[in-house]
Amino acid sequence: MLNLERLRTLDALARHGSVSGAAEGLHVTTSAVSQQMSKLEREVGQQLLAKNGRGVRLTDAGRLLADHAARILSQVELAQSDLEAQRGQVVGELRLSAFPTAARGLFPAALAALRAEHPGLRLRSQELEPADGVSAVIRGDVDMAVVLDWYNKPLPVPEGLAKASLLDDPADVAMPAGHPLADRAEVDLEDFADDEWIAWPEGEFCHEWLFFTLRAKGIEPVVAHRAEEHHTQLALVAAGLGVCVAPRLGRGPVPAGVRTVPVRHRVTRHVYAVWRADADRRPSIRAAVEALRSAGAERE
């Protein structure tokens, strides 16, 4: 009889590609992963892992069993989802992620409401950028991720995930108070063709969006500074070092010396939640969606 936890370990190895990655995803030690795999190899009577430089790789038998493990674990999750739905109670553990401004702007109110309304629900949350959140849901590292599309650039979401809209988040342009356009009621992005930009780190989805959008308007942006946190970007704007796009969700008080001006042709981020489709009937998923929507409505 195949042990479910050992199959879960094999599945994590296949998804993460390393013992250390599997251990991190399962929240166990690397030694525990190795022990589980050794026991699984004895159970099946075949070698599942082979050395690959300093790491390991799955053998043909390992890949075959890992494919079955992924399907078995999906069926187990579906069974758990159906049982929770039949019981109709919001219980168990729910692991969530969100990109930083959503974690700051939505999680405090939403998670506090969930804890108050459903004391049998254990909540775990972390910050992850949108693409990382989607990957974490697919791997099973989190149950739900709060992610985003920009109005003109969707985030790639693979098949097998369900999604629910939470809110639309407008963005403004933040500029030093002494900027020539600081007193305008509205601006266009192309008004800043000659300005230096403060952008997100290269490779992030929002960074790609900024370059995609400005280049579509015939602007090759000059990025002087990069910062992941919006508060850091605004601090750089306050110091007169450039302009940035400033979404409103989770923004908080704007530093002295910064003006935020709406964009004439509205720039928005569509914020939504994603989860594995085989967990779609879990009452905790539905409760989390409603709590996040309520938190979003309160800030509008």
Protein backbone atom coordinates (compact mmCIF):
# COMPACT_ATOMS: atom_id res chain seq x y z
CA MET A 1 0.00 0.00 0.00
CA LEU A 2 1.49 3.37 -1.05
CA ASN A 3 1.81 5.89 1.75
CA LEU A 4 0.07 9.19 0.97
CA GLU A 5 2.60 11.41 2.77
CA ARG A 6 5.47 9.77 0.89
CA LEU A 7 3.65 10.34 -2.38
CA ARG A 8 3.25 13.97 -1.32
CA THR A 9 7.00 14.16 -0.78
CA LEU A 10 7.67 12.67 -4.22
CA ASP A 11 5.22 15.14 -5.78
CA ALA A 12 6.99 18.04 -4.06
CA LEU A 13 10.35 16.79 -5.36
CA ALA A 14 9.00 16.62 -8.89
CA ARG A 15 7.51 20.11 -8.66
CA HIS A 16 10.41 21.87 -6.94
CA GLY A 17 13.22 19.96 -8.64
CA SER A 18 15.40 19.60 -5.53
CA VAL A 19 15.41 18.13 -2.03
CA SER A 20 15.85 21.59 -0.48
CA GLY A 21 12.99 23.02 -2.57
CA ALA A 22 10.71 20.14 -1.60
CA ALA A 23 11.63 20.56 2.07
CA GLU A 24 10.85 24.28 1.94
CA GLY A 25 7.53 23.67 0.16
CA LEU A 26 6.50 20.99 2.67
CA HIS A 27 7.85 22.95 5.70
CA VAL A 28 10.06 20.04 6.78
CA THR A 29 13.81 19.39 6.93
CA THR A 30 15.84 18.07 4.01
CA SER A 31 16.60 15.03 6.16
CA ALA A 32 12.87 14.31 6.50
CA VAL A 33 12.48 14.46 2.70
CA SER A 34 15.37 12.06 2.20
CA GLN A 35 13.98 9.64 4.80
CA GLN A 36 10.52 9.65 3.22
CA MET A 37 12.00 8.96 -0.21
CA SER A 38 14.12 6.10 1.11
CA LYS A 39 11.03 4.52 2.65
CA LEU A 40 9.06 5.00 -0.57
CA GLU A 41 11.83 3.34 -2.60
CA ARG A 42 11.70 0.35 -0.26
CA GLU A 43 7.90 0.20 -0.58
CA VAL A 44 7.93 0.12 -4.38
CA GLY A 45 11.14 -1.87 -4.72
CA GLN A 46 12.62 0.52 -7.29
CA GLN A 47 15.08 3.40 -7.34
CA LEU A 48 13.19 6.69 -7.63
CA LEU A 49 16.07 9.16 -7.26
CA ALA A 50 19.51 9.27 -8.84
CA LYS A 51 22.44 11.59 -8.15
CA ASN A 52 22.75 14.52 -10.53
CA GLY A 53 25.89 16.53 -9.76
CA ARG A 54 25.40 17.88 -6.26
CA GLY A 55 21.66 17.31 -6.44
CA VAL A 56 19.28 14.56 -7.44
CA ARG A 57 16.95 13.79 -10.34
CA LEU A 58 13.98 11.48 -10.72
CA THR A 59 14.61 8.17 -12.45
CA ASP A 60 12.18 6.90 -15.08
CA ALA A 61 10.36 5.00 -12.33
CA GLY A 62 10.37 8.16 -10.20
CA ARG A 63 8.82 10.27 -12.95
CA LEU A 64 6.20 7.59 -13.62
CA LEU A 65 5.20 7.38 -9.96
CA ALA A 66 5.33 11.20 -9.61
CA ASP A 67 2.76 11.52 -12.43
CA HIS A 68 0.48 9.10 -10.58
CA ALA A 69 1.15 10.91 -7.29
CA ALA A 70 0.01 14.24 -8.76
CA ARG A 71 -3.28 12.68 -9.90
CA ILE A 72 -3.80 10.85 -6.60
CA LEU A 73 -3.18 14.00 -4.55
CA SER A 74 -5.55 15.96 -6.79
CA GLN A 75 -8.26 13.36 -6.16
CA VAL A 76 -7.58 13.51 -2.42
CA GLU A 77 -7.92 17.30 -2.49
CA LEU A 78 -11.16 16.99 -4.45
CA ALA A 79 -12.49 14.47 -1.91
CA GLN A 80 -11.56 16.78 0.97
CA SER A 81 -13.22 19.68 -0.84
CA ASP A 82 -16.42 17.69 -1.35
CA LEU A 83 -16.47 16.57 2.30
CA GLU A 84 -16.00 20.14 3.49
CA ALA A 85 -18.77 21.27 1.15
CA GLN A 86 -21.12 18.58 2.43
CA ARG A 87 -20.36 19.52 6.03
CA GLY A 88 -20.78 23.18 5.13
CA GLN A 89 -18.34 24.38 7.78
CA VAL A 90 -15.44 26.78 7.30
CA VAL A 91 -12.73 24.81 9.09
CA GLY A 92 -9.21 23.47 8.59
CA GLU A 93 -6.17 25.40 7.36
CA LEU A 94 -6.18 28.00 4.60
CA ARG A 95 -2.85 29.26 3.21
CA LEU A 96 -2.98 32.53 1.27
CA SER A 97 -0.54 34.75 -0.57
CA ALA A 98 -0.85 38.23 -2.05
CA PHE A 99 1.37 40.73 -3.80
CA PRO A 100 2.66 43.32 -1.30
CA THR A 101 0.12 46.14 -1.75
CA ALA A 102 -2.78 43.66 -1.62
CA ALA A 103 -1.29 42.02 1.47
CA ARG A 104 -1.12 45.47 3.09
CA GLY A 105 -4.43 46.78 1.73
CA LEU A 106 -6.66 43.68 1.99
CA PHE A 107 -5.24 41.06 4.34
CA PRO A 108 -5.50 42.85 7.70
CA ALA A 109 -9.27 43.45 7.41
CA ALA A 110 -10.08 40.24 5.52
CA LEU A 111 -8.11 37.86 7.74
CA ALA A 112 -9.35 39.49 10.93
CA ALA A 113 -12.95 39.09 9.71
CA LEU A 114 -12.36 35.44 8.79
CA ARG A 115 -10.83 34.70 12.19
CA ALA A 116 -13.75 36.36 13.99
CA GLU A 117 -16.46 34.65 11.91
CA HIS A 118 -14.84 31.23 11.58
CA PRO A 119 -12.80 30.37 14.70
CA GLY A 120 -12.26 26.81 13.40
CA LEU A 121 -10.28 28.13 10.41
CA ARG A 122 -6.49 28.36 10.74
CA LEU A 123 -5.07 31.11 8.53
CA ARG A 124 -1.53 31.38 7.14
CA SER A 125 -0.46 34.21 4.82
CA GLN A 126 2.63 35.44 3.01
CA GLU A 127 3.66 38.04 0.43
CA LEU A 128 4.35 36.74 -3.09
CA GLU A 129 4.54 38.59 -6.38
CA PRO A 130 1.67 37.67 -8.77
CA ALA A 131 3.55 35.14 -10.94
CA ASP A 132 5.10 33.54 -7.84
CA GLY A 133 1.66 33.33 -6.24
CA VAL A 134 0.22 31.51 -9.26
CA SER A 135 3.15 29.08 -9.21
CA ALA A 136 2.67 28.48 -5.48
CA VAL A 137 -1.00 27.61 -6.02
CA ILE A 138 -0.11 25.18 -8.80
CA ARG A 139 2.56 23.54 -6.63
CA GLY A 140 0.15 23.31 -3.69
CA ASP A 141 2.31 25.54 -1.47
CA VAL A 142 -0.65 27.90 -0.93
CA ASP A 143 -4.39 27.36 -1.31
CA MET A 144 -5.20 30.79 -2.73
CA ALA A 145 -3.22 33.67 -4.23
CA VAL A 146 -4.31 37.26 -4.68
CA VAL A 147 -2.88 38.41 -8.02
CA LEU A 148 -3.48 41.12 -10.62
CA ASP A 149 -3.90 42.02 -14.26
CA TRP A 150 -3.05 45.48 -15.56
CA TYR A 151 -5.83 46.98 -17.68
CA ASN A 152 -3.85 46.34 -20.88
CA LYS A 153 -1.67 43.35 -19.91
CA PRO A 154 -3.14 40.18 -18.34
CA LEU A 155 -1.15 37.91 -16.07
CA PRO A 156 -0.74 34.43 -17.63
CA VAL A 157 -2.87 31.98 -15.60
CA PRO A 158 -2.58 28.28 -16.54
CA GLU A 159 -5.51 25.92 -16.92
CA GLY A 160 -6.68 24.09 -13.84
CA LEU A 161 -7.13 27.22 -11.74
CA ALA A 162 -10.37 28.91 -10.72
CA LYS A 163 -10.54 32.66 -10.18
CA ALA A 164 -12.79 35.33 -8.67
CA SER A 165 -12.71 39.09 -9.16
CA LEU A 166 -12.05 41.16 -6.02
CA LEU A 167 -11.75 44.82 -7.09
CA ASP A 168 -10.36 47.28 -9.64
CA ASP A 169 -7.51 49.40 -8.32
CA PRO A 170 -6.86 52.77 -10.03
CA ALA A 171 -3.31 54.08 -10.28
CA ASP A 172 -2.04 57.66 -10.39
CA VAL A 173 1.27 59.20 -11.38
CA ALA A 174 3.33 60.32 -8.38
CA MET A 175 5.69 63.23 -8.91
CA PRO A 176 7.65 65.73 -6.81
CA ALA A 177 5.53 68.64 -5.60
CA GLY A 178 7.66 71.02 -7.68
CA HIS A 179 7.07 69.15 -10.94
CA PRO A 180 5.56 71.32 -13.72
CA LEU A 181 2.52 69.01 -13.91
CA ALA A 182 1.92 68.70 -10.15
CA ASP A 183 -1.04 71.12 -10.17
CA ARG A 184 -2.86 69.41 -13.06
CA ALA A 185 -6.24 67.76 -12.42
CA GLU A 186 -5.32 64.93 -14.81
CA VAL A 187 -2.27 63.83 -16.78
CA ASP A 188 -1.37 61.42 -19.57
CA LEU A 189 1.50 58.95 -19.26
CA GLU A 190 3.08 60.41 -22.38
CA ASP A 191 3.37 63.77 -20.56
CA PHE A 192 6.34 62.21 -18.74
CA ALA A 193 8.32 61.13 -21.80
CA ASP A 194 11.29 63.26 -20.72
CA ASP A 195 11.19 62.32 -17.02
CA GLU A 196 13.26 59.73 -15.23
CA TRP A 197 11.16 56.87 -13.87
CA ILE A 198 11.27 54.99 -10.60
CA ALA A 199 10.18 51.45 -11.44
CA TRP A 200 9.80 47.98 -10.02
CA PRO A 201 12.74 45.52 -10.17
CA GLU A 202 13.52 44.12 -13.60
CA GLY A 203 11.73 40.85 -14.32
CA GLU A 204 8.67 41.61 -12.17
CA PHE A 205 5.27 41.62 -13.85
CA CYS A 206 4.63 45.30 -13.00
CA HIS A 207 8.02 46.29 -14.41
CA GLU A 208 7.18 44.49 -17.66
CA TRP A 209 3.81 46.27 -17.73
CA LEU A 210 5.41 49.71 -17.35
CA PHE A 211 7.80 49.17 -20.26
CA PHE A 212 5.06 47.56 -22.39
CA THR A 213 2.70 50.49 -21.79
CA LEU A 214 5.16 53.34 -22.30
CA ARG A 215 6.70 51.79 -25.40
CA ALA A 216 3.19 51.39 -26.87
CA LYS A 217 2.93 55.19 -26.53
CA GLY A 218 6.25 55.71 -28.30
CA ILE A 219 8.20 56.33 -25.10
CA GLU A 220 11.44 54.56 -24.25
CA PRO A 221 11.46 54.97 -20.46
CA VAL A 222 14.61 56.03 -18.68
CA VAL A 223 14.60 54.16 -15.37
CA ALA A 224 16.88 55.83 -12.87
CA HIS A 225 15.91 53.81 -9.78
CA ARG A 226 14.22 50.48 -9.05
CA ALA A 227 12.44 49.54 -5.84
CA GLU A 228 10.06 46.71 -5.02
CA GLU A 229 8.09 48.51 -2.31
CA HIS A 230 5.79 51.36 -3.34
CA HIS A 231 6.65 53.23 -0.13
CA THR A 232 10.29 53.20 -1.21
CA GLN A 233 9.36 54.42 -4.68
CA LEU A 234 7.37 57.31 -3.18
CA ALA A 235 10.27 58.21 -0.87
CA LEU A 236 12.50 58.49 -3.94
CA VAL A 237 9.88 60.66 -5.64
CA ALA A 238 9.76 62.89 -2.55
CA ALA A 239 13.52 63.35 -2.88
CA GLY A 240 13.00 64.68 -6.41
CA LEU A 241 14.60 61.66 -8.10
CA GLY A 242 11.87 60.84 -10.62
CA VAL A 243 8.22 59.93 -11.15
CA CYS A 244 6.40 56.62 -10.68
CA VAL A 245 3.06 54.92 -11.17
CA ALA A 246 1.33 54.75 -7.77
CA PRO A 247 -1.60 52.31 -7.39
CA ARG A 248 -4.03 53.27 -4.63
CA LEU A 249 -4.48 49.86 -2.96
CA GLY A 250 -2.34 49.70 0.17
CA ARG A 251 -0.73 53.04 -0.61
CA GLY A 252 -1.31 54.75 2.71
CA PRO A 253 -0.36 58.39 3.37
CA VAL A 254 1.69 59.98 0.60
CA PRO A 255 4.98 61.49 1.84
CA ALA A 256 5.34 65.25 2.08
CA GLY A 257 6.68 66.66 -1.14
CA VAL A 258 4.81 64.19 -3.38
CA ARG A 259 1.76 64.89 -5.54
CA THR A 260 -0.38 62.10 -7.03
CA VAL A 261 -2.40 62.98 -10.11
CA PRO A 262 -5.01 60.74 -11.79
CA VAL A 263 -4.36 59.54 -15.34
CA ARG A 264 -6.85 60.89 -17.90
CA HIS A 265 -7.29 57.53 -19.63
CA ARG A 266 -7.74 55.50 -16.47
CA VAL A 267 -4.88 53.18 -15.50
CA THR A 268 -6.17 50.31 -13.37
CA ARG A 269 -5.11 46.99 -11.94
CA HIS A 270 -7.71 44.23 -11.79
CA VAL A 271 -7.20 42.35 -8.52
CA TYR A 272 -8.49 38.79 -8.23
CA ALA A 273 -8.00 35.53 -6.36
CA VAL A 274 -6.93 32.20 -7.88
CA TRP A 275 -7.03 28.68 -6.49
CA ARG A 276 -6.87 25.11 -7.77
CA ALA A 277 -10.10 24.10 -9.48
CA ASP A 278 -10.18 20.81 -7.57
CA ALA A 279 -10.59 22.83 -4.35
CA ASP A 280 -13.43 24.91 -5.78
CA ARG A 281 -16.12 23.61 -3.42
CA ARG A 282 -14.23 24.24 -0.19
CA PRO A 283 -16.32 26.56 2.02
CA SER A 284 -13.10 28.19 3.27
CA ILE A 285 -12.24 29.28 -0.27
CA ARG A 286 -15.68 30.86 -0.71
CA ALA A 287 -15.47 32.54 2.69
CA ALA A 288 -12.04 33.98 1.87
CA VAL A 289 -13.26 35.41 -1.44
CA GLU A 290 -16.16 37.16 0.28
CA ALA A 291 -13.92 38.51 3.05
CA LEU A 292 -11.41 39.87 0.52
CA ARG A 293 -14.21 41.46 -1.52
CA SER A 294 -15.60 43.12 1.61
CA ALA A 295 -12.15 44.41 2.53
CA GLY A 296 -11.81 45.83 -0.99
CA ALA A 297 -15.22 47.50 -0.84
CA GLU A 298 -14.40 49.17 2.49
CA ARG A 299 -11.41 50.98 1.02
CA GLU A 300 -13.34 52.45 -1.95
